[in-house]
Amino acid sequence: MVHTKSSFFLIIFLLITVVTFMTGLEAQDTENNRAPIQEFVKKAQEHVKQNQIEEAIEIYERIVIAAPEN
């Protein structure tokens, strides 16, 4: 009976470890994906400052298509 309880807790511990690891990978992947998007946002902001509104809108539209969750 003691062996069964320890096996159960070991399985639960392993599942928690796997879920935590996968969540960490997703967070890291999200950080890596935001860097290029931020570069495009900066470029669009430069166009706005130079009063090149059409170019800025085009860049913003592409950002929305590429990363709608952001």
PDB file of N, CA and C in Angstrom:
ATOM      1  N   MET A   1       0.814  -1.196   0.000  1.00  0.00           N
ATOM      2  CA  MET A   1       0.000   0.000   0.000  1.00  0.00           C
ATOM      3  C   MET A   1       0.860   1.264   0.000  1.00  0.00           C
ATOM      4  N   VAL A   2       1.956   1.249   0.749  1.00  0.00           N
ATOM      5  CA  VAL A   2       2.842   2.397   0.795  1.00  0.00           C
ATOM      6  C   VAL A   2       3.497   2.603  -0.575  1.00  0.00           C
ATOM      7  N   HIS A   3       3.828   1.510  -1.225  1.00  0.00           N
ATOM      8  CA  HIS A   3       4.449   1.592  -2.550  1.00  0.00           C
ATOM      9  C   HIS A   3       3.499   2.239  -3.557  1.00  0.00           C
ATOM     10  N   THR A   4       2.214   1.948  -3.481  1.00  0.00           N
ATOM     11  CA  THR A   4       1.231   2.507  -4.391  1.00  0.00           C
ATOM     12  C   THR A   4       1.108   4.019  -4.201  1.00  0.00           C
ATOM     13  N   LYS A   5       1.094   4.483  -2.945  1.00  0.00           N
ATOM     14  CA  LYS A   5       0.993   5.907  -2.669  1.00  0.00           C
ATOM     15  C   LYS A   5       2.219   6.648  -3.183  1.00  0.00           C
ATOM     16  N   SER A   6       3.394   6.074  -2.976  1.00  0.00           N
ATOM     17  CA  SER A   6       4.603   6.756  -3.436  1.00  0.00           C
ATOM     18  C   SER A   6       4.655   6.800  -4.966  1.00  0.00           C
ATOM     19  N   SER A   7       4.185   5.752  -5.623  1.00  0.00           N
ATOM     20  CA  SER A   7       4.140   5.756  -7.088  1.00  0.00           C
ATOM     21  C   SER A   7       3.165   6.818  -7.591  1.00  0.00           C
ATOM     22  N   PHE A   8       2.033   6.941  -6.925  1.00  0.00           N
ATOM     23  CA  PHE A   8       1.044   7.940  -7.304  1.00  0.00           C
ATOM     24  C   PHE A   8       1.639   9.337  -7.189  1.00  0.00           C
ATOM     25  N   PHE A   9       2.290   9.631  -6.073  1.00  0.00           N
ATOM     26  CA  PHE A   9       2.889  10.956  -5.875  1.00  0.00           C
ATOM     27  C   PHE A   9       4.040  11.205  -6.843  1.00  0.00           C
ATOM     28  N   LEU A  10       4.777  10.170  -7.176  1.00  0.00           N
ATOM     29  CA  LEU A  10       5.856  10.309  -8.153  1.00  0.00           C
ATOM     30  C   LEU A  10       5.287  10.684  -9.522  1.00  0.00           C
ATOM     31  N   ILE A  11       4.196  10.044  -9.914  1.00  0.00           N
ATOM     32  CA  ILE A  11       3.565  10.356 -11.206  1.00  0.00           C
ATOM     33  C   ILE A  11       3.040  11.783 -11.206  1.00  0.00           C
ATOM     34  N   ILE A  12       2.398  12.194 -10.113  1.00  0.00           N
ATOM     35  CA  ILE A  12       1.892  13.566 -10.014  1.00  0.00           C
ATOM     36  C   ILE A  12       3.044  14.561 -10.097  1.00  0.00           C
ATOM     37  N   PHE A  13       4.128  14.277  -9.396  1.00  0.00           N
ATOM     38  CA  PHE A  13       5.293  15.158  -9.429  1.00  0.00           C
ATOM     39  C   PHE A  13       5.849  15.279 -10.844  1.00  0.00           C
ATOM     40  N   LEU A  14       5.946  14.169 -11.556  1.00  0.00           N
ATOM     41  CA  LEU A  14       6.452  14.194 -12.927  1.00  0.00           C
ATOM     42  C   LEU A  14       5.524  14.999 -13.850  1.00  0.00           C
ATOM     43  N   LEU A  15       4.225  14.845 -13.688  1.00  0.00           N
ATOM     44  CA  LEU A  15       3.279  15.610 -14.502  1.00  0.00           C
ATOM     45  C   LEU A  15       3.403  17.107 -14.235  1.00  0.00           C
ATOM     46  N   ILE A  16       3.533  17.484 -12.978  1.00  0.00           N
ATOM     47  CA  ILE A  16       3.696  18.897 -12.632  1.00  0.00           C
ATOM     48  C   ILE A  16       4.985  19.436 -13.238  1.00  0.00           C
ATOM     49  N   THR A  17       6.053  18.652 -13.187  1.00  0.00           N
ATOM     50  CA  THR A  17       7.333  19.061 -13.748  1.00  0.00           C
ATOM     51  C   THR A  17       7.225  19.277 -15.263  1.00  0.00           C
ATOM     52  N   VAL A  18       6.563  18.359 -15.948  1.00  0.00           N
ATOM     53  CA  VAL A  18       6.413  18.469 -17.404  1.00  0.00           C
ATOM     54  C   VAL A  18       5.586  19.710 -17.762  1.00  0.00           C
ATOM     55  N   VAL A  19       4.486  19.934 -17.062  1.00  0.00           N
ATOM     56  CA  VAL A  19       3.642  21.090 -17.345  1.00  0.00           C
ATOM     57  C   VAL A  19       4.405  22.382 -17.094  1.00  0.00           C
ATOM     58  N   THR A  20       5.157  22.438 -16.009  1.00  0.00           N
ATOM     59  CA  THR A  20       5.946  23.630 -15.703  1.00  0.00           C
ATOM     60  C   THR A  20       6.996  23.874 -16.770  1.00  0.00           C
ATOM     61  N   PHE A  21       7.655  22.830 -17.218  1.00  0.00           N
ATOM     62  CA  PHE A  21       8.672  22.945 -18.257  1.00  0.00           C
ATOM     63  C   PHE A  21       8.058  23.447 -19.567  1.00  0.00           C
ATOM     64  N   MET A  22       6.905  22.897 -19.953  1.00  0.00           N
ATOM     65  CA  MET A  22       6.258  23.298 -21.197  1.00  0.00           C
ATOM     66  C   MET A  22       5.792  24.753 -21.123  1.00  0.00           C
ATOM     67  N   THR A  23       5.301  25.172 -19.985  1.00  0.00           N
ATOM     68  CA  THR A  23       4.875  26.557 -19.815  1.00  0.00           C
ATOM     69  C   THR A  23       6.070  27.498 -19.947  1.00  0.00           C
ATOM     70  N   GLY A  24       7.193  27.105 -19.385  1.00  0.00           N
ATOM     71  CA  GLY A  24       8.412  27.907 -19.496  1.00  0.00           C
ATOM     72  C   GLY A  24       8.872  28.036 -20.937  1.00  0.00           C
ATOM     73  N   LEU A  25       8.762  26.960 -21.702  1.00  0.00           N
ATOM     74  CA  LEU A  25       9.144  27.011 -23.114  1.00  0.00           C
ATOM     75  C   LEU A  25       8.232  27.939 -23.902  1.00  0.00           C
ATOM     76  N   GLU A  26       6.935  27.900 -23.613  1.00  0.00           N
ATOM     77  CA  GLU A  26       6.003  28.784 -24.308  1.00  0.00           C
ATOM     78  C   GLU A  26       6.301  30.240 -23.998  1.00  0.00           C
ATOM     79  N   ALA A  27       6.607  30.534 -22.748  1.00  0.00           N
ATOM     80  CA  ALA A  27       6.925  31.913 -22.360  1.00  0.00           C
ATOM     81  C   ALA A  27       8.185  32.385 -23.069  1.00  0.00           C
ATOM     82  N   GLN A  28       9.189  31.524 -23.153  1.00  0.00           N
ATOM     83  CA  GLN A  28      10.430  31.879 -23.824  1.00  0.00           C
ATOM     84  C   GLN A  28      10.184  32.091 -25.309  1.00  0.00           C
ATOM     85  N   ASP A  29       9.354  31.245 -25.914  1.00  0.00           N
ATOM     86  CA  ASP A  29       9.047  31.369 -27.330  1.00  0.00           C
ATOM     87  C   ASP A  29       8.321  32.685 -27.608  1.00  0.00           C
ATOM     88  N   THR A  30       7.426  33.069 -26.721  1.00  0.00           N
ATOM     89  CA  THR A  30       6.701  34.326 -26.883  1.00  0.00           C
ATOM     90  C   THR A  30       7.661  35.505 -26.838  1.00  0.00           C
ATOM     91  N   GLU A  31       8.623  35.476 -25.919  1.00  0.00           N
ATOM     92  CA  GLU A  31       9.602  36.558 -25.816  1.00  0.00           C
ATOM     93  C   GLU A  31      10.425  36.653 -27.091  1.00  0.00           C
ATOM     94  N   ASN A  32      10.818  35.517 -27.638  1.00  0.00           N
ATOM     95  CA  ASN A  32      11.634  35.521 -28.856  1.00  0.00           C
ATOM     96  C   ASN A  32      10.845  36.034 -30.053  1.00  0.00           C
ATOM     97  N   ASN A  33       9.540  35.772 -30.081  1.00  0.00           N
ATOM     98  CA  ASN A  33       8.722  36.213 -31.213  1.00  0.00           C
ATOM     99  C   ASN A  33       8.404  37.704 -31.155  1.00  0.00           C
ATOM    100  N   ARG A  34       8.448  38.307 -29.996  1.00  0.00           N
ATOM    101  CA  ARG A  34       8.102  39.720 -29.867  1.00  0.00           C
ATOM    102  C   ARG A  34       9.197  40.647 -30.365  1.00  0.00           C
ATOM    103  N   ALA A  35      10.437  40.222 -30.329  1.00  0.00           N
ATOM    104  CA  ALA A  35      11.545  41.095 -30.717  1.00  0.00           C
ATOM    105  C   ALA A  35      11.412  41.586 -32.161  1.00  0.00           C
ATOM    106  N   PRO A  36      11.182  40.713 -33.136  1.00  0.00           N
ATOM    107  CA  PRO A  36      11.039  41.225 -34.512  1.00  0.00           C
ATOM    108  C   PRO A  36       9.814  42.121 -34.671  1.00  0.00           C
ATOM    109  N   ILE A  37       8.742  41.808 -33.973  1.00  0.00           N
ATOM    110  CA  ILE A  37       7.534  42.622 -34.066  1.00  0.00           C
ATOM    111  C   ILE A  37       7.812  44.024 -33.547  1.00  0.00           C
ATOM    112  N   GLN A  38       8.558  44.117 -32.457  1.00  0.00           N
ATOM    113  CA  GLN A  38       8.890  45.425 -31.900  1.00  0.00           C
ATOM    114  C   GLN A  38       9.714  46.248 -32.888  1.00  0.00           C
ATOM    115  N   GLU A  39      10.565  45.588 -33.655  1.00  0.00           N
ATOM    116  CA  GLU A  39      11.349  46.301 -34.675  1.00  0.00           C
ATOM    117  C   GLU A  39      10.433  46.896 -35.745  1.00  0.00           C
ATOM    118  N   PHE A  40       9.414  46.134 -36.147  1.00  0.00           N
ATOM    119  CA  PHE A  40       8.481  46.649 -37.139  1.00  0.00           C
ATOM    120  C   PHE A  40       7.650  47.795 -36.572  1.00  0.00           C
ATOM    121  N   VAL A  41       7.286  47.710 -35.293  1.00  0.00           N
ATOM    122  CA  VAL A  41       6.537  48.800 -34.660  1.00  0.00           C
ATOM    123  C   VAL A  41       7.383  50.075 -34.655  1.00  0.00           C
ATOM    124  N   LYS A  42       8.665  49.938 -34.332  1.00  0.00           N
ATOM    125  CA  LYS A  42       9.563  51.099 -34.342  1.00  0.00           C
ATOM    126  C   LYS A  42       9.649  51.706 -35.735  1.00  0.00           C
ATOM    127  N   LYS A  43       9.729  50.833 -36.729  1.00  0.00           N
ATOM    128  CA  LYS A  43       9.811  51.317 -38.111  1.00  0.00           C
ATOM    129  C   LYS A  43       8.533  52.065 -38.491  1.00  0.00           C
ATOM    130  N   ALA A  44       7.392  51.535 -38.094  1.00  0.00           N
ATOM    131  CA  ALA A  44       6.126  52.213 -38.380  1.00  0.00           C
ATOM    132  C   ALA A  44       6.048  53.553 -37.655  1.00  0.00           C
ATOM    133  N   GLN A  45       6.537  53.612 -36.440  1.00  0.00           N
ATOM    134  CA  GLN A  45       6.539  54.865 -35.689  1.00  0.00           C
ATOM    135  C   GLN A  45       7.433  55.907 -36.364  1.00  0.00           C
ATOM    136  N   GLU A  46       8.541  55.459 -36.932  1.00  0.00           N
ATOM    137  CA  GLU A  46       9.410  56.376 -37.670  1.00  0.00           C
ATOM    138  C   GLU A  46       8.669  56.967 -38.877  1.00  0.00           C
ATOM    139  N   HIS A  47       7.897  56.128 -39.566  1.00  0.00           N
ATOM    140  CA  HIS A  47       7.123  56.609 -40.701  1.00  0.00           C
ATOM    141  C   HIS A  47       6.084  57.647 -40.260  1.00  0.00           C
ATOM    142  N   VAL A  48       5.467  57.411 -39.108  1.00  0.00           N
ATOM    143  CA  VAL A  48       4.484  58.378 -38.605  1.00  0.00           C
ATOM    144  C   VAL A  48       5.157  59.705 -38.306  1.00  0.00           C
ATOM    145  N   LYS A  49       6.335  59.671 -37.689  1.00  0.00           N
ATOM    146  CA  LYS A  49       7.055  60.916 -37.375  1.00  0.00           C
ATOM    147  C   LYS A  49       7.437  61.680 -38.635  1.00  0.00           C
ATOM    148  N   GLN A  50       7.694  60.944 -39.710  1.00  0.00           N
ATOM    149  CA  GLN A  50       8.064  61.571 -40.975  1.00  0.00           C
ATOM    150  C   GLN A  50       6.835  61.886 -41.831  1.00  0.00           C
ATOM    151  N   ASN A  51       5.650  61.724 -41.223  1.00  0.00           N
ATOM    152  CA  ASN A  51       4.381  62.010 -41.884  1.00  0.00           C
ATOM    153  C   ASN A  51       4.150  61.112 -43.101  1.00  0.00           C
ATOM    154  N   GLN A  52       4.671  59.897 -43.045  1.00  0.00           N
ATOM    155  CA  GLN A  52       4.458  58.902 -44.096  1.00  0.00           C
ATOM    156  C   GLN A  52       3.413  57.907 -43.579  1.00  0.00           C
ATOM    157  N   ILE A  53       2.189  58.383 -43.494  1.00  0.00           N
ATOM    158  CA  ILE A  53       1.101  57.657 -42.848  1.00  0.00           C
ATOM    159  C   ILE A  53       0.749  56.363 -43.593  1.00  0.00           C
ATOM    160  N   GLU A  54       0.702  56.410 -44.903  1.00  0.00           N
ATOM    161  CA  GLU A  54       0.334  55.224 -45.676  1.00  0.00           C
ATOM    162  C   GLU A  54       1.317  54.080 -45.441  1.00  0.00           C
ATOM    163  N   GLU A  55       2.601  54.395 -45.412  1.00  0.00           N
ATOM    164  CA  GLU A  55       3.610  53.368 -45.157  1.00  0.00           C
ATOM    165  C   GLU A  55       3.464  52.794 -43.747  1.00  0.00           C
ATOM    166  N   ALA A  56       3.188  53.668 -42.783  1.00  0.00           N
ATOM    167  CA  ALA A  56       3.007  53.217 -41.399  1.00  0.00           C
ATOM    168  C   ALA A  56       1.801  52.296 -41.278  1.00  0.00           C
ATOM    169  N   ILE A  57       0.707  52.671 -41.934  1.00  0.00           N
ATOM    170  CA  ILE A  57      -0.501  51.843 -41.889  1.00  0.00           C
ATOM    171  C   ILE A  57      -0.233  50.477 -42.503  1.00  0.00           C
ATOM    172  N   GLU A  58       0.510  50.454 -43.597  1.00  0.00           N
ATOM    173  CA  GLU A  58       0.842  49.184 -44.245  1.00  0.00           C
ATOM    174  C   GLU A  58       1.644  48.280 -43.304  1.00  0.00           C
ATOM    175  N   ILE A  59       2.596  48.851 -42.598  1.00  0.00           N
ATOM    176  CA  ILE A  59       3.393  48.065 -41.656  1.00  0.00           C
ATOM    177  C   ILE A  59       2.517  47.563 -40.514  1.00  0.00           C
ATOM    178  N   TYR A  60       1.662  48.434 -39.970  1.00  0.00           N
ATOM    179  CA  TYR A  60       0.771  48.009 -38.881  1.00  0.00           C
ATOM    180  C   TYR A  60      -0.170  46.899 -39.333  1.00  0.00           C
ATOM    181  N   GLU A  61      -0.671  46.979 -40.557  1.00  0.00           N
ATOM    182  CA  GLU A  61      -1.539  45.927 -41.075  1.00  0.00           C
ATOM    183  C   GLU A  61      -0.795  44.600 -41.165  1.00  0.00           C
ATOM    184  N   ARG A  62       0.449  44.655 -41.600  1.00  0.00           N
ATOM    185  CA  ARG A  62       1.244  43.425 -41.681  1.00  0.00           C
ATOM    186  C   ARG A  62       1.521  42.844 -40.297  1.00  0.00           C
ATOM    187  N   ILE A  63       1.724  43.716 -39.323  1.00  0.00           N
ATOM    188  CA  ILE A  63       1.949  43.247 -37.950  1.00  0.00           C
ATOM    189  C   ILE A  63       0.705  42.518 -37.439  1.00  0.00           C
ATOM    190  N   VAL A  64      -0.469  43.094 -37.696  1.00  0.00           N
ATOM    191  CA  VAL A  64      -1.711  42.466 -37.243  1.00  0.00           C
ATOM    192  C   VAL A  64      -1.925  41.125 -37.904  1.00  0.00           C
ATOM    193  N   ILE A  65      -1.589  41.018 -39.170  1.00  0.00           N
ATOM    194  CA  ILE A  65      -1.729  39.740 -39.870  1.00  0.00           C
ATOM    195  C   ILE A  65      -0.750  38.719 -39.320  1.00  0.00           C
ATOM    196  N   ALA A  66       0.479  39.131 -39.083  1.00  0.00           N
ATOM    197  CA  ALA A  66       1.525  38.203 -38.621  1.00  0.00           C
ATOM    198  C   ALA A  66       1.341  37.780 -37.172  1.00  0.00           C
ATOM    199  N   ALA A  67       0.864  38.706 -36.334  1.00  0.00           N
ATOM    200  CA  ALA A  67       0.745  38.408 -34.896  1.00  0.00           C
ATOM    201  C   ALA A  67      -0.549  38.995 -34.352  1.00  0.00           C
ATOM    202  N   PRO A  68      -1.688  38.385 -34.663  1.00  0.00           N
ATOM    203  CA  PRO A  68      -2.964  38.962 -34.221  1.00  0.00           C
ATOM    204  C   PRO A  68      -3.149  38.962 -32.699  1.00  0.00           C
ATOM    205  N   GLU A  69      -2.446  38.085 -31.985  1.00  0.00           N
ATOM    206  CA  GLU A  69      -2.596  38.022 -30.535  1.00  0.00           C
ATOM    207  C   GLU A  69      -1.905  39.186 -29.827  1.00  0.00           C
ATOM    208  N   ASN A  70      -1.020  39.897 -30.526  1.00  0.00           N
ATOM    209  CA  ASN A  70      -0.324  41.028 -29.924  1.00  0.00           C
ATOM    210  C   ASN A  70      -1.085  42.295 -30.205  1.00  0.00           C
TER     211      ASN A  70
END
